[in-house]
Amino acid sequence: MDKSTTNLLNFLSFNDLETLIQSIVRRILKSELQQLQSNLPNPSQSAQTDTLLATFGTWEDDRPVDAIIDEIYATRTLNSLEA
């Protein structure tokens, strides 16, 4: 903060300072909301997202359940809190 800002803040009452802060926050929020609205996905981006999400599905594995469970237990690591 420069000296002029510091001097100005010394002369403001608590209510004036609160009003100033609220004004600044409102201005920033309004600006951020406008930017967010302008960045909403267009239809082609939405289609790309749908295509990506369509690739997600259930996990397929031909191994027997016991083999999968054995692999899971074999690859587990101890939590540092358990040691």
PDB file of N, CA and C in Angstrom:
ATOM      1  N   MET A   1       0.836  -1.179   0.000  1.00  0.00           N
ATOM      2  CA  MET A   1       0.000   0.000   0.000  1.00  0.00           C
ATOM      3  C   MET A   1       0.882   1.245   0.000  1.00  0.00           C
ATOM      4  N   ASP A   2       0.515   2.220  -0.772  1.00  0.00           N
ATOM      5  CA  ASP A   2       1.291   3.443  -0.764  1.00  0.00           C
ATOM      6  C   ASP A   2       0.846   4.341   0.390  1.00  0.00           C
ATOM      7  N   LYS A   3       1.590   5.443   0.609  1.00  0.00           N
ATOM      8  CA  LYS A   3       1.308   6.319   1.751  1.00  0.00           C
ATOM      9  C   LYS A   3      -0.051   6.982   1.660  1.00  0.00           C
ATOM     10  N   SER A   4      -0.463   7.355   0.454  1.00  0.00           N
ATOM     11  CA  SER A   4      -1.756   8.037   0.321  1.00  0.00           C
ATOM     12  C   SER A   4      -2.899   7.095   0.692  1.00  0.00           C
ATOM     13  N   THR A   5      -2.786   5.821   0.323  1.00  0.00           N
ATOM     14  CA  THR A   5      -3.817   4.850   0.683  1.00  0.00           C
ATOM     15  C   THR A   5      -3.831   4.636   2.184  1.00  0.00           C
ATOM     16  N   THR A   6      -2.658   4.504   2.773  1.00  0.00           N
ATOM     17  CA  THR A   6      -2.567   4.321   4.221  1.00  0.00           C
ATOM     18  C   THR A   6      -3.158   5.513   4.948  1.00  0.00           C
ATOM     19  N   ASN A   7      -2.855   6.716   4.490  1.00  0.00           N
ATOM     20  CA  ASN A   7      -3.409   7.915   5.121  1.00  0.00           C
ATOM     21  C   ASN A   7      -4.921   7.971   4.976  1.00  0.00           C
ATOM     22  N   LEU A   8      -5.431   7.576   3.828  1.00  0.00           N
ATOM     23  CA  LEU A   8      -6.872   7.572   3.603  1.00  0.00           C
ATOM     24  C   LEU A   8      -7.554   6.602   4.565  1.00  0.00           C
ATOM     25  N   LEU A   9      -6.964   5.417   4.732  1.00  0.00           N
ATOM     26  CA  LEU A   9      -7.551   4.415   5.627  1.00  0.00           C
ATOM     27  C   LEU A   9      -7.551   4.892   7.077  1.00  0.00           C
ATOM     28  N   ASN A  10      -6.594   5.717   7.448  1.00  0.00           N
ATOM     29  CA  ASN A  10      -6.559   6.251   8.812  1.00  0.00           C
ATOM     30  C   ASN A  10      -7.714   7.201   9.087  1.00  0.00           C
ATOM     31  N   PHE A  11      -8.237   7.829   8.042  1.00  0.00           N
ATOM     32  CA  PHE A  11      -9.311   8.796   8.216  1.00  0.00           C
ATOM     33  C   PHE A  11     -10.698   8.183   8.082  1.00  0.00           C
ATOM     34  N   LEU A  12     -10.777   6.965   7.600  1.00  0.00           N
ATOM     35  CA  LEU A  12     -12.077   6.326   7.422  1.00  0.00           C
ATOM     36  C   LEU A  12     -12.588   5.745   8.729  1.00  0.00           C
ATOM     37  N   SER A  13     -13.866   5.908   8.943  1.00  0.00           N
ATOM     38  CA  SER A  13     -14.475   5.279  10.115  1.00  0.00           C
ATOM     39  C   SER A  13     -14.670   3.800   9.818  1.00  0.00           C
ATOM     40  N   PHE A  14     -15.002   3.046  10.828  1.00  0.00           N
ATOM     41  CA  PHE A  14     -15.243   1.618  10.644  1.00  0.00           C
ATOM     42  C   PHE A  14     -16.357   1.389   9.631  1.00  0.00           C
ATOM     43  N   ASN A  15     -17.432   2.158   9.714  1.00  0.00           N
ATOM     44  CA  ASN A  15     -18.557   2.011   8.783  1.00  0.00           C
ATOM     45  C   ASN A  15     -18.156   2.372   7.356  1.00  0.00           C
ATOM     46  N   ASP A  16     -17.354   3.431   7.228  1.00  0.00           N
ATOM     47  CA  ASP A  16     -16.894   3.824   5.892  1.00  0.00           C
ATOM     48  C   ASP A  16     -16.006   2.737   5.284  1.00  0.00           C
ATOM     49  N   LEU A  17     -15.146   2.176   6.101  1.00  0.00           N
ATOM     50  CA  LEU A  17     -14.262   1.122   5.640  1.00  0.00           C
ATOM     51  C   LEU A  17     -15.068  -0.116   5.243  1.00  0.00           C
ATOM     52  N   GLU A  18     -16.054  -0.450   6.041  1.00  0.00           N
ATOM     53  CA  GLU A  18     -16.915  -1.586   5.727  1.00  0.00           C
ATOM     54  C   GLU A  18     -17.661  -1.371   4.408  1.00  0.00           C
ATOM     55  N   THR A  19     -18.163  -0.172   4.194  1.00  0.00           N
ATOM     56  CA  THR A  19     -18.851   0.167   2.950  1.00  0.00           C
ATOM     57  C   THR A  19     -17.907   0.070   1.758  1.00  0.00           C
ATOM     58  N   LEU A  20     -16.684   0.548   1.928  1.00  0.00           N
ATOM     59  CA  LEU A  20     -15.684   0.487   0.866  1.00  0.00           C
ATOM     60  C   LEU A  20     -15.362  -0.971   0.512  1.00  0.00           C
ATOM     61  N   ILE A  21     -15.173  -1.800   1.513  1.00  0.00           N
ATOM     62  CA  ILE A  21     -14.874  -3.215   1.281  1.00  0.00           C
ATOM     63  C   ILE A  21     -16.035  -3.897   0.569  1.00  0.00           C
ATOM     64  N   GLN A  22     -17.253  -3.629   1.012  1.00  0.00           N
ATOM     65  CA  GLN A  22     -18.419  -4.223   0.363  1.00  0.00           C
ATOM     66  C   GLN A  22     -18.512  -3.805  -1.101  1.00  0.00           C
ATOM     67  N   SER A  23     -18.232  -2.570  -1.372  1.00  0.00           N
ATOM     68  CA  SER A  23     -18.265  -2.067  -2.746  1.00  0.00           C
ATOM     69  C   SER A  23     -17.232  -2.784  -3.616  1.00  0.00           C
ATOM     70  N   ILE A  24     -16.045  -2.949  -3.091  1.00  0.00           N
ATOM     71  CA  ILE A  24     -14.988  -3.630  -3.837  1.00  0.00           C
ATOM     72  C   ILE A  24     -15.355  -5.089  -4.076  1.00  0.00           C
ATOM     73  N   VAL A  25     -15.852  -5.755  -3.058  1.00  0.00           N
ATOM     74  CA  VAL A  25     -16.226  -7.166  -3.196  1.00  0.00           C
ATOM     75  C   VAL A  25     -17.354  -7.320  -4.208  1.00  0.00           C
ATOM     76  N   ARG A  26     -18.350  -6.451  -4.174  1.00  0.00           N
ATOM     77  CA  ARG A  26     -19.448  -6.516  -5.149  1.00  0.00           C
ATOM     78  C   ARG A  26     -18.922  -6.353  -6.568  1.00  0.00           C
ATOM     79  N   ARG A  27     -18.019  -5.403  -6.760  1.00  0.00           N
ATOM     80  CA  ARG A  27     -17.457  -5.147  -8.083  1.00  0.00           C
ATOM     81  C   ARG A  27     -16.683  -6.374  -8.593  1.00  0.00           C
ATOM     82  N   ILE A  28     -15.887  -6.979  -7.719  1.00  0.00           N
ATOM     83  CA  ILE A  28     -15.105  -8.150  -8.109  1.00  0.00           C
ATOM     84  C   ILE A  28     -16.026  -9.330  -8.410  1.00  0.00           C
ATOM     85  N   LEU A  29     -17.022  -9.558  -7.560  1.00  0.00           N
ATOM     86  CA  LEU A  29     -17.955 -10.658  -7.795  1.00  0.00           C
ATOM     87  C   LEU A  29     -18.718 -10.478  -9.100  1.00  0.00           C
ATOM     88  N   LYS A  30     -19.154  -9.265  -9.371  1.00  0.00           N
ATOM     89  CA  LYS A  30     -19.874  -8.999 -10.616  1.00  0.00           C
ATOM     90  C   LYS A  30     -18.986  -9.298 -11.816  1.00  0.00           C
ATOM     91  N   SER A  31     -17.745  -8.860 -11.749  1.00  0.00           N
ATOM     92  CA  SER A  31     -16.801  -9.100 -12.834  1.00  0.00           C
ATOM     93  C   SER A  31     -16.544 -10.596 -13.021  1.00  0.00           C
ATOM     94  N   GLU A  32     -16.348 -11.322 -11.923  1.00  0.00           N
ATOM     95  CA  GLU A  32     -16.090 -12.757 -11.998  1.00  0.00           C
ATOM     96  C   GLU A  32     -17.299 -13.508 -12.545  1.00  0.00           C
ATOM     97  N   LEU A  33     -18.499 -13.125 -12.144  1.00  0.00           N
ATOM     98  CA  LEU A  33     -19.707 -13.779 -12.651  1.00  0.00           C
ATOM     99  C   LEU A  33     -19.876 -13.536 -14.148  1.00  0.00           C
ATOM    100  N   GLN A  34     -19.596 -12.325 -14.592  1.00  0.00           N
ATOM    101  CA  GLN A  34     -19.686 -12.035 -16.022  1.00  0.00           C
ATOM    102  C   GLN A  34     -18.676 -12.865 -16.806  1.00  0.00           C
ATOM    103  N   GLN A  35     -17.470 -13.003 -16.270  1.00  0.00           N
ATOM    104  CA  GLN A  35     -16.446 -13.800 -16.940  1.00  0.00           C
ATOM    105  C   GLN A  35     -16.851 -15.269 -16.952  1.00  0.00           C
ATOM    106  N   LEU A  36     -17.412 -15.756 -15.863  1.00  0.00           N
ATOM    107  CA  LEU A  36     -17.853 -17.148 -15.794  1.00  0.00           C
ATOM    108  C   LEU A  36     -18.940 -17.420 -16.818  1.00  0.00           C
ATOM    109  N   GLN A  37     -19.893 -16.506 -16.934  1.00  0.00           N
ATOM    110  CA  GLN A  37     -20.987 -16.685 -17.892  1.00  0.00           C
ATOM    111  C   GLN A  37     -20.468 -16.661 -19.323  1.00  0.00           C
ATOM    112  N   SER A  38     -19.463 -15.860 -19.587  1.00  0.00           N
ATOM    113  CA  SER A  38     -18.934 -15.800 -20.953  1.00  0.00           C
ATOM    114  C   SER A  38     -18.094 -17.028 -21.279  1.00  0.00           C
ATOM    115  N   ASN A  39     -17.672 -17.783 -20.256  1.00  0.00           N
ATOM    116  CA  ASN A  39     -16.853 -18.972 -20.476  1.00  0.00           C
ATOM    117  C   ASN A  39     -17.652 -20.271 -20.431  1.00  0.00           C
ATOM    118  N   LEU A  40     -18.975 -20.181 -20.421  1.00  0.00           N
ATOM    119  CA  LEU A  40     -19.781 -21.397 -20.420  1.00  0.00           C
ATOM    120  C   LEU A  40     -19.515 -22.176 -21.700  1.00  0.00           C
ATOM    121  N   PRO A  41     -19.518 -23.494 -21.601  1.00  0.00           N
ATOM    122  CA  PRO A  41     -19.192 -24.286 -22.790  1.00  0.00           C
ATOM    123  C   PRO A  41     -20.196 -24.087 -23.913  1.00  0.00           C
ATOM    124  N   ASN A  42     -19.676 -24.028 -25.120  1.00  0.00           N
ATOM    125  CA  ASN A  42     -20.554 -23.940 -26.276  1.00  0.00           C
ATOM    126  C   ASN A  42     -20.982 -25.358 -26.647  1.00  0.00           C
ATOM    127  N   PRO A  43     -21.914 -25.517 -27.563  1.00  0.00           N
ATOM    128  CA  PRO A  43     -22.405 -26.856 -27.897  1.00  0.00           C
ATOM    129  C   PRO A  43     -21.316 -27.844 -28.308  1.00  0.00           C
ATOM    130  N   SER A  44     -20.294 -27.398 -29.039  1.00  0.00           N
ATOM    131  CA  SER A  44     -19.251 -28.335 -29.462  1.00  0.00           C
ATOM    132  C   SER A  44     -18.429 -28.810 -28.267  1.00  0.00           C
ATOM    133  N   GLN A  45     -18.183 -27.911 -27.292  1.00  0.00           N
ATOM    134  CA  GLN A  45     -17.471 -28.321 -26.088  1.00  0.00           C
ATOM    135  C   GLN A  45     -18.311 -29.308 -25.287  1.00  0.00           C
ATOM    136  N   SER A  46     -19.612 -29.079 -25.248  1.00  0.00           N
ATOM    137  CA  SER A  46     -20.507 -29.981 -24.537  1.00  0.00           C
ATOM    138  C   SER A  46     -20.499 -31.361 -25.193  1.00  0.00           C
ATOM    139  N   ALA A  47     -20.480 -31.406 -26.518  1.00  0.00           N
ATOM    140  CA  ALA A  47     -20.424 -32.682 -27.236  1.00  0.00           C
ATOM    141  C   ALA A  47     -19.109 -33.395 -26.951  1.00  0.00           C
ATOM    142  N   GLN A  48     -18.015 -32.653 -26.878  1.00  0.00           N
ATOM    143  CA  GLN A  48     -16.723 -33.252 -26.555  1.00  0.00           C
ATOM    144  C   GLN A  48     -16.738 -33.844 -25.151  1.00  0.00           C
ATOM    145  N   THR A  49     -17.356 -33.129 -24.222  1.00  0.00           N
ATOM    146  CA  THR A  49     -17.467 -33.633 -22.858  1.00  0.00           C
ATOM    147  C   THR A  49     -18.292 -34.904 -22.826  1.00  0.00           C
ATOM    148  N   ASP A  50     -19.413 -34.932 -23.558  1.00  0.00           N
ATOM    149  CA  ASP A  50     -20.259 -36.126 -23.611  1.00  0.00           C
ATOM    150  C   ASP A  50     -19.496 -37.304 -24.212  1.00  0.00           C
ATOM    151  N   THR A  51     -18.694 -37.049 -25.232  1.00  0.00           N
ATOM    152  CA  THR A  51     -17.894 -38.106 -25.857  1.00  0.00           C
ATOM    153  C   THR A  51     -16.882 -38.669 -24.861  1.00  0.00           C
ATOM    154  N   LEU A  52     -16.231 -37.785 -24.123  1.00  0.00           N
ATOM    155  CA  LEU A  52     -15.270 -38.224 -23.126  1.00  0.00           C
ATOM    156  C   LEU A  52     -15.957 -39.045 -22.038  1.00  0.00           C
ATOM    157  N   LEU A  53     -17.078 -38.552 -21.536  1.00  0.00           N
ATOM    158  CA  LEU A  53     -17.782 -39.259 -20.469  1.00  0.00           C
ATOM    159  C   LEU A  53     -18.302 -40.614 -20.932  1.00  0.00           C
ATOM    160  N   ALA A  54     -18.605 -40.748 -22.208  1.00  0.00           N
ATOM    161  CA  ALA A  54     -19.096 -42.023 -22.736  1.00  0.00           C
ATOM    162  C   ALA A  54     -18.013 -43.094 -22.697  1.00  0.00           C
ATOM    163  N   THR A  55     -16.745 -42.689 -22.632  1.00  0.00           N
ATOM    164  CA  THR A  55     -15.671 -43.666 -22.570  1.00  0.00           C
ATOM    165  C   THR A  55     -15.529 -44.271 -21.181  1.00  0.00           C
ATOM    166  N   PHE A  56     -16.141 -43.664 -20.189  1.00  0.00           N
ATOM    167  CA  PHE A  56     -16.071 -44.178 -18.833  1.00  0.00           C
ATOM    168  C   PHE A  56     -17.156 -45.222 -18.640  1.00  0.00           C
ATOM    169  N   GLY A  57     -16.784 -46.303 -18.028  1.00  0.00           N
ATOM    170  CA  GLY A  57     -17.769 -47.349 -17.797  1.00  0.00           C
ATOM    171  C   GLY A  57     -17.289 -48.277 -16.721  1.00  0.00           C
ATOM    172  N   THR A  58     -17.885 -49.439 -16.692  1.00  0.00           N
ATOM    173  CA  THR A  58     -17.482 -50.413 -15.690  1.00  0.00           C
ATOM    174  C   THR A  58     -16.154 -51.027 -16.071  1.00  0.00           C
ATOM    175  N   TRP A  59     -15.479 -51.473 -15.072  1.00  0.00           N
ATOM    176  CA  TRP A  59     -14.181 -52.087 -15.267  1.00  0.00           C
ATOM    177  C   TRP A  59     -14.376 -53.525 -15.705  1.00  0.00           C
ATOM    178  N   GLU A  60     -13.700 -53.930 -16.746  1.00  0.00           N
ATOM    179  CA  GLU A  60     -13.814 -55.301 -17.239  1.00  0.00           C
ATOM    180  C   GLU A  60     -12.499 -56.017 -17.021  1.00  0.00           C
ATOM    181  N   ASP A  61     -12.585 -57.216 -16.461  1.00  0.00           N
ATOM    182  CA  ASP A  61     -11.400 -58.028 -16.211  1.00  0.00           C
ATOM    183  C   ASP A  61     -11.816 -59.488 -16.310  1.00  0.00           C
ATOM    184  N   ASP A  62     -11.059 -60.270 -17.054  1.00  0.00           N
ATOM    185  CA  ASP A  62     -11.403 -61.677 -17.269  1.00  0.00           C
ATOM    186  C   ASP A  62     -10.842 -62.593 -16.190  1.00  0.00           C
ATOM    187  N   ARG A  63     -10.028 -62.045 -15.291  1.00  0.00           N
ATOM    188  CA  ARG A  63      -9.427 -62.876 -14.258  1.00  0.00           C
ATOM    189  C   ARG A  63     -10.465 -63.295 -13.221  1.00  0.00           C
ATOM    190  N   PRO A  64     -10.214 -64.389 -12.540  1.00  0.00           N
ATOM    191  CA  PRO A  64     -11.120 -64.792 -11.460  1.00  0.00           C
ATOM    192  C   PRO A  64     -11.060 -63.779 -10.307  1.00  0.00           C
ATOM    193  N   VAL A  65     -12.112 -63.710  -9.543  1.00  0.00           N
ATOM    194  CA  VAL A  65     -12.209 -62.748  -8.441  1.00  0.00           C
ATOM    195  C   VAL A  65     -11.038 -62.911  -7.480  1.00  0.00           C
ATOM    196  N   ASP A  66     -10.680 -64.136  -7.160  1.00  0.00           N
ATOM    197  CA  ASP A  66      -9.574 -64.372  -6.227  1.00  0.00           C
ATOM    198  C   ASP A  66      -8.262 -63.781  -6.731  1.00  0.00           C
ATOM    199  N   ALA A  67      -8.015 -63.857  -8.012  1.00  0.00           N
ATOM    200  CA  ALA A  67      -6.783 -63.294  -8.584  1.00  0.00           C
ATOM    201  C   ALA A  67      -6.790 -61.770  -8.478  1.00  0.00           C
ATOM    202  N   ILE A  68      -7.927 -61.155  -8.700  1.00  0.00           N
ATOM    203  CA  ILE A  68      -8.041 -59.687  -8.589  1.00  0.00           C
ATOM    204  C   ILE A  68      -7.814 -59.259  -7.147  1.00  0.00           C
ATOM    205  N   ILE A  69      -8.449 -59.983  -6.217  1.00  0.00           N
ATOM    206  CA  ILE A  69      -8.294 -59.648  -4.794  1.00  0.00           C
ATOM    207  C   ILE A  69      -6.843 -59.816  -4.370  1.00  0.00           C
ATOM    208  N   ASP A  70      -6.204 -60.900  -4.798  1.00  0.00           N
ATOM    209  CA  ASP A  70      -4.790 -61.120  -4.462  1.00  0.00           C
ATOM    210  C   ASP A  70      -3.918 -59.977  -4.976  1.00  0.00           C
ATOM    211  N   GLU A  71      -4.203 -59.492  -6.182  1.00  0.00           N
ATOM    212  CA  GLU A  71      -3.426 -58.372  -6.736  1.00  0.00           C
ATOM    213  C   GLU A  71      -3.641 -57.105  -5.921  1.00  0.00           C
ATOM    214  N   ILE A  72      -4.865 -56.869  -5.527  1.00  0.00           N
ATOM    215  CA  ILE A  72      -5.162 -55.667  -4.730  1.00  0.00           C
ATOM    216  C   ILE A  72      -4.377 -55.712  -3.419  1.00  0.00           C
ATOM    217  N   TYR A  73      -4.421 -56.836  -2.728  1.00  0.00           N
ATOM    218  CA  TYR A  73      -3.696 -56.947  -1.464  1.00  0.00           C
ATOM    219  C   TYR A  73      -2.182 -56.866  -1.670  1.00  0.00           C
ATOM    220  N   ALA A  74      -1.684 -57.408  -2.747  1.00  0.00           N
ATOM    221  CA  ALA A  74      -0.246 -57.397  -3.014  1.00  0.00           C
ATOM    222  C   ALA A  74       0.274 -55.988  -3.303  1.00  0.00           C
ATOM    223  N   THR A  75      -0.570 -55.118  -3.849  1.00  0.00           N
ATOM    224  CA  THR A  75      -0.119 -53.772  -4.215  1.00  0.00           C
ATOM    225  C   THR A  75      -0.433 -52.723  -3.150  1.00  0.00           C
ATOM    226  N   ARG A  76      -1.074 -53.133  -2.081  1.00  0.00           N
ATOM    227  CA  ARG A  76      -1.397 -52.178  -1.003  1.00  0.00           C
ATOM    228  C   ARG A  76      -0.123 -51.753  -0.292  1.00  0.00           C
ATOM    229  N   THR A  77      -0.105 -50.523   0.168  1.00  0.00           N
ATOM    230  CA  THR A  77       1.021 -50.027   0.946  1.00  0.00           C
ATOM    231  C   THR A  77       0.516 -49.628   2.325  1.00  0.00           C
ATOM    232  N   LEU A  78       1.390 -49.681   3.294  1.00  0.00           N
ATOM    233  CA  LEU A  78       1.011 -49.279   4.648  1.00  0.00           C
ATOM    234  C   LEU A  78       0.911 -47.779   4.722  1.00  0.00           C
ATOM    235  N   ASN A  79      -0.093 -47.331   5.408  1.00  0.00           N
ATOM    236  CA  ASN A  79      -0.243 -45.903   5.671  1.00  0.00           C
ATOM    237  C   ASN A  79       0.798 -45.504   6.690  1.00  0.00           C
ATOM    238  N   SER A  80       1.416 -44.352   6.529  1.00  0.00           N
ATOM    239  CA  SER A  80       2.454 -43.908   7.454  1.00  0.00           C
ATOM    240  C   SER A  80       1.916 -43.756   8.875  1.00  0.00           C
ATOM    241  N   LEU A  81       0.602 -43.552   9.034  1.00  0.00           N
ATOM    242  CA  LEU A  81       0.014 -43.418  10.372  1.00  0.00           C
ATOM    243  C   LEU A  81      -0.102 -44.771  11.056  1.00  0.00           C
ATOM    244  N   GLU A  82      -0.117 -45.875  10.284  1.00  0.00           N
ATOM    245  CA  GLU A  82      -0.252 -47.199  10.867  1.00  0.00           C
ATOM    246  C   GLU A  82       1.073 -47.730  11.366  1.00  0.00           C
ATOM    247  N   ALA A  83       2.171 -47.181  10.906  1.00  0.00           N
ATOM    248  CA  ALA A  83       3.496 -47.705  11.269  1.00  0.00           C
ATOM    249  C   ALA A  83       3.867 -47.356  12.687  1.00  0.00           C
TER     250      ALA A  83
END
